[in-house]
PDB file of N, CA and C in Angstrom:
ATOM      1  N   MET A   1       5.919 -15.620 -23.432  1.00  0.00           N
ATOM      2  CA  MET A   1       4.817 -15.443 -22.500  1.00  0.00           C
ATOM      3  C   MET A   1       5.346 -15.051 -21.123  1.00  0.00           C
ATOM      4  N   ALA A   2       6.408 -15.715 -20.650  1.00  0.00           N
ATOM      5  CA  ALA A   2       6.971 -15.418 -19.335  1.00  0.00           C
ATOM      6  C   ALA A   2       7.493 -13.988 -19.283  1.00  0.00           C
ATOM      7  N   ALA A   3       8.096 -13.509 -20.378  1.00  0.00           N
ATOM      8  CA  ALA A   3       8.614 -12.141 -20.409  1.00  0.00           C
ATOM      9  C   ALA A   3       7.479 -11.133 -20.282  1.00  0.00           C
ATOM     10  N   ARG A   4       6.344 -11.415 -20.905  1.00  0.00           N
ATOM     11  CA  ARG A   4       5.190 -10.517 -20.826  1.00  0.00           C
ATOM     12  C   ARG A   4       4.661 -10.460 -19.395  1.00  0.00           C
ATOM     13  N   HIS A   5       4.599 -11.612 -18.735  1.00  0.00           N
ATOM     14  CA  HIS A   5       4.151 -11.653 -17.337  1.00  0.00           C
ATOM     15  C   HIS A   5       5.124 -10.885 -16.449  1.00  0.00           C
ATOM     16  N   SER A   6       6.412 -11.009 -16.747  1.00  0.00           N
ATOM     17  CA  SER A   6       7.437 -10.329 -15.962  1.00  0.00           C
ATOM     18  C   SER A   6       7.279  -8.814 -16.065  1.00  0.00           C
ATOM     19  N   VAL A   7       7.060  -8.315 -17.269  1.00  0.00           N
ATOM     20  CA  VAL A   7       6.866  -6.872 -17.465  1.00  0.00           C
ATOM     21  C   VAL A   7       5.584  -6.428 -16.786  1.00  0.00           C
ATOM     22  N   HIS A   8       4.509  -7.184 -16.957  1.00  0.00           N
ATOM     23  CA  HIS A   8       3.229  -6.852 -16.319  1.00  0.00           C
ATOM     24  C   HIS A   8       3.389  -6.824 -14.801  1.00  0.00           C
ATOM     25  N   SER A   9       4.069  -7.817 -14.264  1.00  0.00           N
ATOM     26  CA  SER A   9       4.278  -7.895 -12.823  1.00  0.00           C
ATOM     27  C   SER A   9       5.080  -6.710 -12.320  1.00  0.00           C
ATOM     28  N   ALA A  10       6.124  -6.346 -13.043  1.00  0.00           N
ATOM     29  CA  ALA A  10       6.956  -5.203 -12.644  1.00  0.00           C
ATOM     30  C   ALA A  10       6.140  -3.922 -12.640  1.00  0.00           C
ATOM     31  N   VAL A  11       5.278  -3.753 -13.634  1.00  0.00           N
ATOM     32  CA  VAL A  11       4.423  -2.565 -13.704  1.00  0.00           C
ATOM     33  C   VAL A  11       3.438  -2.565 -12.538  1.00  0.00           C
ATOM     34  N   CYS A  12       2.858  -3.708 -12.239  1.00  0.00           N
ATOM     35  CA  CYS A  12       1.914  -3.806 -11.113  1.00  0.00           C
ATOM     36  C   CYS A  12       2.583  -3.437  -9.796  1.00  0.00           C
ATOM     37  N   VAL A  13       3.782  -3.945  -9.579  1.00  0.00           N
ATOM     38  CA  VAL A  13       4.498  -3.659  -8.338  1.00  0.00           C
ATOM     39  C   VAL A  13       4.857  -2.172  -8.287  1.00  0.00           C
ATOM     40  N   GLN A  14       5.318  -1.621  -9.391  1.00  0.00           N
ATOM     41  CA  GLN A  14       5.671  -0.199  -9.426  1.00  0.00           C
ATOM     42  C   GLN A  14       4.443   0.664  -9.135  1.00  0.00           C
ATOM     43  N   GLU A  15       3.312   0.353  -9.753  1.00  0.00           N
ATOM     44  CA  GLU A  15       2.088   1.103  -9.509  1.00  0.00           C
ATOM     45  C   GLU A  15       1.656   0.986  -8.046  1.00  0.00           C
ATOM     46  N   ALA A  16       1.803  -0.191  -7.478  1.00  0.00           N
ATOM     47  CA  ALA A  16       1.439  -0.401  -6.077  1.00  0.00           C
ATOM     48  C   ALA A  16       2.342   0.423  -5.165  1.00  0.00           C
ATOM     49  N   GLU A  17       3.640   0.452  -5.450  1.00  0.00           N
ATOM     50  CA  GLU A  17       4.572   1.251  -4.647  1.00  0.00           C
ATOM     51  C   GLU A  17       4.239   2.733  -4.745  1.00  0.00           C
ATOM     52  N   GLU A  18       3.898   3.195  -5.936  1.00  0.00           N
ATOM     53  CA  GLU A  18       3.526   4.605  -6.118  1.00  0.00           C
ATOM     54  C   GLU A  18       2.244   4.931  -5.359  1.00  0.00           C
ATOM     55  N   THR A  19       1.303   4.014  -5.371  1.00  0.00           N
ATOM     56  CA  THR A  19       0.042   4.213  -4.658  1.00  0.00           C
ATOM     57  C   THR A  19       0.271   4.303  -3.160  1.00  0.00           C
ATOM     58  N   VAL A  20       1.119   3.430  -2.640  1.00  0.00           N
ATOM     59  CA  VAL A  20       1.441   3.452  -1.208  1.00  0.00           C
ATOM     60  C   VAL A  20       2.107   4.787  -0.851  1.00  0.00           C
ATOM     61  N   ALA A  21       3.029   5.238  -1.674  1.00  0.00           N
ATOM     62  CA  ALA A  21       3.706   6.512  -1.418  1.00  0.00           C
ATOM     63  C   ALA A  21       2.708   7.666  -1.432  1.00  0.00           C
ATOM     64  N   GLU A  22       1.791   7.647  -2.392  1.00  0.00           N
ATOM     65  CA  GLU A  22       0.774   8.697  -2.471  1.00  0.00           C
ATOM     66  C   GLU A  22      -0.140   8.668  -1.250  1.00  0.00           C
ATOM     67  N   LEU A  23      -0.566   7.476  -0.854  1.00  0.00           N
ATOM     68  CA  LEU A  23      -1.424   7.343   0.323  1.00  0.00           C
ATOM     69  C   LEU A  23      -0.700   7.829   1.574  1.00  0.00           C
ATOM     70  N   ARG A  24       0.554   7.454   1.716  1.00  0.00           N
ATOM     71  CA  ARG A  24       1.351   7.884   2.872  1.00  0.00           C
ATOM     72  C   ARG A  24       1.424   9.417   2.918  1.00  0.00           C
ATOM     73  N   ALA A  25       1.667  10.045   1.764  1.00  0.00           N
ATOM     74  CA  ALA A  25       1.776  11.503   1.705  1.00  0.00           C
ATOM     75  C   ALA A  25       0.459  12.187   2.061  1.00  0.00           C
ATOM     76  N   VAL A  26      -0.649  11.672   1.537  1.00  0.00           N
ATOM     77  CA  VAL A  26      -1.966  12.255   1.821  1.00  0.00           C
ATOM     78  C   VAL A  26      -2.315  12.100   3.304  1.00  0.00           C
ATOM     79  N   LEU A  27      -2.035  10.927   3.845  1.00  0.00           N
ATOM     80  CA  LEU A  27      -2.298  10.708   5.265  1.00  0.00           C
ATOM     81  C   LEU A  27      -1.436  11.641   6.119  1.00  0.00           C
ATOM     82  N   GLU A  28      -0.188  11.816   5.715  1.00  0.00           N
ATOM     83  CA  GLU A  28       0.713  12.698   6.470  1.00  0.00           C
ATOM     84  C   GLU A  28       0.172  14.131   6.495  1.00  0.00           C
ATOM     85  N   LYS A  29      -0.341  14.600   5.366  1.00  0.00           N
ATOM     86  CA  LYS A  29      -0.929  15.949   5.308  1.00  0.00           C
ATOM     87  C   LYS A  29      -2.104  16.070   6.267  1.00  0.00           C
ATOM     88  N   ALA A  30      -2.800  14.956   6.503  1.00  0.00           N
ATOM     89  CA  ALA A  30      -3.935  14.953   7.424  1.00  0.00           C
ATOM     90  C   ALA A  30      -3.479  14.686   8.859  1.00  0.00           C
ATOM     91  N   GLY A  31      -2.165  14.565   9.068  1.00  0.00           N
ATOM     92  CA  GLY A  31      -1.640  14.322  10.401  1.00  0.00           C
ATOM     93  C   GLY A  31      -1.790  12.890  10.869  1.00  0.00           C
ATOM     94  N   ILE A  32      -1.878  11.960   9.928  1.00  0.00           N
ATOM     95  CA  ILE A  32      -2.076  10.548  10.257  1.00  0.00           C
ATOM     96  C   ILE A  32      -0.896   9.739   9.738  1.00  0.00           C
ATOM     97  N   ALA A  33      -0.365   8.891  10.609  1.00  0.00           N
ATOM     98  CA  ALA A  33       0.722   7.993  10.212  1.00  0.00           C
ATOM     99  C   ALA A  33       0.305   6.558  10.485  1.00  0.00           C
ATOM    100  N   LEU A  34       0.399   5.731   9.472  1.00  0.00           N
ATOM    101  CA  LEU A  34       0.175   4.293   9.631  1.00  0.00           C
ATOM    102  C   LEU A  34       1.546   3.639   9.525  1.00  0.00           C
ATOM    103  N   PRO A  35       2.171   3.320  10.668  1.00  0.00           N
ATOM    104  CA  PRO A  35       3.548   2.821  10.665  1.00  0.00           C
ATOM    105  C   PRO A  35       3.773   1.573   9.813  1.00  0.00           C
ATOM    106  N   SER A  36       2.784   0.732   9.696  1.00  0.00           N
ATOM    107  CA  SER A  36       2.958  -0.517   8.955  1.00  0.00           C
ATOM    108  C   SER A  36       2.512  -0.423   7.502  1.00  0.00           C
ATOM    109  N   LEU A  37       2.172   0.772   7.031  1.00  0.00           N
ATOM    110  CA  LEU A  37       1.710   0.946   5.654  1.00  0.00           C
ATOM    111  C   LEU A  37       2.803   0.491   4.684  1.00  0.00           C
ATOM    112  N   GLY A  38       2.442  -0.395   3.788  1.00  0.00           N
ATOM    113  CA  GLY A  38       3.393  -0.893   2.801  1.00  0.00           C
ATOM    114  C   GLY A  38       2.762  -1.996   1.972  1.00  0.00           C
ATOM    115  N   LEU A  39       3.575  -2.626   1.161  1.00  0.00           N
ATOM    116  CA  LEU A  39       3.091  -3.733   0.344  1.00  0.00           C
ATOM    117  C   LEU A  39       3.189  -5.029   1.131  1.00  0.00           C
ATOM    118  N   ASP A  40       2.170  -5.849   1.017  1.00  0.00           N
ATOM    119  CA  ASP A  40       2.130  -7.141   1.689  1.00  0.00           C
ATOM    120  C   ASP A  40       3.151  -8.073   1.029  1.00  0.00           C
ATOM    121  N   PRO A  41       4.135  -8.558   1.776  1.00  0.00           N
ATOM    122  CA  PRO A  41       5.168  -9.410   1.181  1.00  0.00           C
ATOM    123  C   PRO A  41       4.625 -10.694   0.549  1.00  0.00           C
ATOM    124  N   ALA A  42       3.553 -11.241   1.076  1.00  0.00           N
ATOM    125  CA  ALA A  42       3.008 -12.481   0.520  1.00  0.00           C
ATOM    126  C   ALA A  42       2.544 -12.281  -0.924  1.00  0.00           C
ATOM    127  N   GLY A  43       1.972 -11.129  -1.210  1.00  0.00           N
ATOM    128  CA  GLY A  43       1.516 -10.846  -2.569  1.00  0.00           C
ATOM    129  C   GLY A  43       2.664 -10.662  -3.541  1.00  0.00           C
ATOM    130  N   LEU A  44       3.818 -10.268  -3.015  1.00  0.00           N
ATOM    131  CA  LEU A  44       4.995 -10.058  -3.866  1.00  0.00           C
ATOM    132  C   LEU A  44       5.789 -11.340  -4.082  1.00  0.00           C
ATOM    133  N   ALA A  45       5.550 -12.346  -3.258  1.00  0.00           N
ATOM    134  CA  ALA A  45       6.332 -13.584  -3.314  1.00  0.00           C
ATOM    135  C   ALA A  45       5.853 -14.551  -4.392  1.00  0.00           C
ATOM    136  N   ARG A  46       4.721 -14.244  -5.001  1.00  0.00           N
ATOM    137  CA  ARG A  46       4.191 -15.134  -6.041  1.00  0.00           C
ATOM    138  C   ARG A  46       5.026 -15.054  -7.309  1.00  0.00           C
ATOM    139  N   GLU A  47       4.886 -16.057  -8.170  1.00  0.00           N
ATOM    140  CA  GLU A  47       5.592 -16.054  -9.453  1.00  0.00           C
ATOM    141  C   GLU A  47       5.203 -14.820 -10.268  1.00  0.00           C
ATOM    142  N   ALA A  48       3.915 -14.513 -10.285  1.00  0.00           N
ATOM    143  CA  ALA A  48       3.418 -13.291 -10.920  1.00  0.00           C
ATOM    144  C   ALA A  48       2.831 -12.425  -9.799  1.00  0.00           C
ATOM    145  N   PRO A  49       3.652 -11.515  -9.246  1.00  0.00           N
ATOM    146  CA  PRO A  49       3.208 -10.732  -8.096  1.00  0.00           C
ATOM    147  C   PRO A  49       1.865 -10.036  -8.310  1.00  0.00           C
ATOM    148  N   CYS A  50       1.065 -10.087  -7.273  1.00  0.00           N
ATOM    149  CA  CYS A  50      -0.235  -9.423  -7.253  1.00  0.00           C
ATOM    150  C   CYS A  50      -0.250  -8.593  -5.965  1.00  0.00           C
ATOM    151  N   PRO A  51       0.306  -7.389  -6.016  1.00  0.00           N
ATOM    152  CA  PRO A  51       0.491  -6.609  -4.807  1.00  0.00           C
ATOM    153  C   PRO A  51      -0.810  -6.270  -4.087  1.00  0.00           C
ATOM    154  N   LEU A  52      -0.757  -6.414  -2.779  1.00  0.00           N
ATOM    155  CA  LEU A  52      -1.825  -5.967  -1.901  1.00  0.00           C
ATOM    156  C   LEU A  52      -1.219  -4.943  -0.957  1.00  0.00           C
ATOM    157  N   VAL A  53      -1.988  -3.918  -0.612  1.00  0.00           N
ATOM    158  CA  VAL A  53      -1.509  -2.895   0.303  1.00  0.00           C
ATOM    159  C   VAL A  53      -1.851  -3.317   1.723  1.00  0.00           C
ATOM    160  N   GLU A  54      -0.844  -3.328   2.553  1.00  0.00           N
ATOM    161  CA  GLU A  54      -0.998  -3.654   3.971  1.00  0.00           C
ATOM    162  C   GLU A  54      -1.121  -2.336   4.723  1.00  0.00           C
ATOM    163  N   LEU A  55      -2.302  -2.083   5.263  1.00  0.00           N
ATOM    164  CA  LEU A  55      -2.505  -0.854   6.023  1.00  0.00           C
ATOM    165  C   LEU A  55      -1.941  -0.986   7.432  1.00  0.00           C
ATOM    166  N   GLY A  56      -1.892  -2.183   7.931  1.00  0.00           N
ATOM    167  CA  GLY A  56      -1.251  -2.445   9.204  1.00  0.00           C
ATOM    168  C   GLY A  56      -2.082  -2.071  10.410  1.00  0.00           C
ATOM    169  N   ARG A  57      -1.444  -2.164  11.536  1.00  0.00           N
ATOM    170  CA  ARG A  57      -2.095  -1.884  12.802  1.00  0.00           C
ATOM    171  C   ARG A  57      -1.855  -0.431  13.179  1.00  0.00           C
ATOM    172  N   CYS A  58      -2.793   0.112  13.928  1.00  0.00           N
ATOM    173  CA  CYS A  58      -2.633   1.480  14.413  1.00  0.00           C
ATOM    174  C   CYS A  58      -3.383   1.616  15.734  1.00  0.00           C
ATOM    175  N   SER A  59      -3.119   2.701  16.414  1.00  0.00           N
ATOM    176  CA  SER A  59      -3.788   2.940  17.686  1.00  0.00           C
ATOM    177  C   SER A  59      -5.251   3.299  17.440  1.00  0.00           C
ATOM    178  N   VAL A  60      -6.046   3.206  18.489  1.00  0.00           N
ATOM    179  CA  VAL A  60      -7.460   3.587  18.400  1.00  0.00           C
ATOM    180  C   VAL A  60      -7.560   5.061  18.045  1.00  0.00           C
ATOM    181  N   GLU A  61      -6.690   5.880  18.608  1.00  0.00           N
ATOM    182  CA  GLU A  61      -6.689   7.321  18.305  1.00  0.00           C
ATOM    183  C   GLU A  61      -6.453   7.561  16.810  1.00  0.00           C
ATOM    184  N   THR A  62      -5.484   6.860  16.245  1.00  0.00           N
ATOM    185  CA  THR A  62      -5.202   7.012  14.817  1.00  0.00           C
ATOM    186  C   THR A  62      -6.388   6.533  13.983  1.00  0.00           C
ATOM    187  N   ALA A  63      -7.001   5.435  14.360  1.00  0.00           N
ATOM    188  CA  ALA A  63      -8.169   4.926  13.635  1.00  0.00           C
ATOM    189  C   ALA A  63      -9.313   5.939  13.684  1.00  0.00           C
ATOM    190  N   ALA A  64      -9.516   6.576  14.838  1.00  0.00           N
ATOM    191  CA  ALA A  64     -10.568   7.576  14.973  1.00  0.00           C
ATOM    192  C   ALA A  64     -10.271   8.796  14.099  1.00  0.00           C
ATOM    193  N   ARG A  65      -9.012   9.211  14.055  1.00  0.00           N
ATOM    194  CA  ARG A  65      -8.638  10.358  13.207  1.00  0.00           C
ATOM    195  C   ARG A  65      -8.823  10.011  11.734  1.00  0.00           C
ATOM    196  N   LEU A  66      -8.487   8.799  11.361  1.00  0.00           N
ATOM    197  CA  LEU A  66      -8.675   8.352   9.982  1.00  0.00           C
ATOM    198  C   LEU A  66     -10.145   8.337   9.623  1.00  0.00           C
ATOM    199  N   ALA A  67     -10.973   7.830  10.513  1.00  0.00           N
ATOM    200  CA  ALA A  67     -12.417   7.799  10.257  1.00  0.00           C
ATOM    201  C   ALA A  67     -12.958   9.217  10.117  1.00  0.00           C
ATOM    202  N   ALA A  68     -12.482  10.133  10.925  1.00  0.00           N
ATOM    203  CA  ALA A  68     -12.944  11.529  10.856  1.00  0.00           C
ATOM    204  C   ALA A  68     -12.573  12.160   9.514  1.00  0.00           C
ATOM    205  N   VAL A  69     -11.392  11.884   9.041  1.00  0.00           N
ATOM    206  CA  VAL A  69     -10.948  12.430   7.745  1.00  0.00           C
ATOM    207  C   VAL A  69     -11.803  11.855   6.610  1.00  0.00           C
ATOM    208  N   LEU A  70     -12.180  10.598   6.723  1.00  0.00           N
ATOM    209  CA  LEU A  70     -12.947   9.945   5.651  1.00  0.00           C
ATOM    210  C   LEU A  70     -14.429  10.310   5.651  1.00  0.00           C
ATOM    211  N   ARG A  71     -14.898  10.884   6.732  1.00  0.00           N
ATOM    212  CA  ARG A  71     -16.324  11.256   6.796  1.00  0.00           C
ATOM    213  C   ARG A  71     -16.644  12.358   5.852  1.00  0.00           C
TER     214      ARG A  71
END
């Protein structure tokens, strides 16, 4: 059972890392950088990691540009 959780957890973390990389690339194409974009360490510290994406802090200008892209 533990081995199955370990494989599942590894896949979840890998998928989360790929998603963050994809989001970073798409934002970059739109001229937006979120310096703190990454995986939340607290979600990775669990016995069975449950990754959460940390979008982080950004300037008001960056937030406005992000909102404009999402409209």
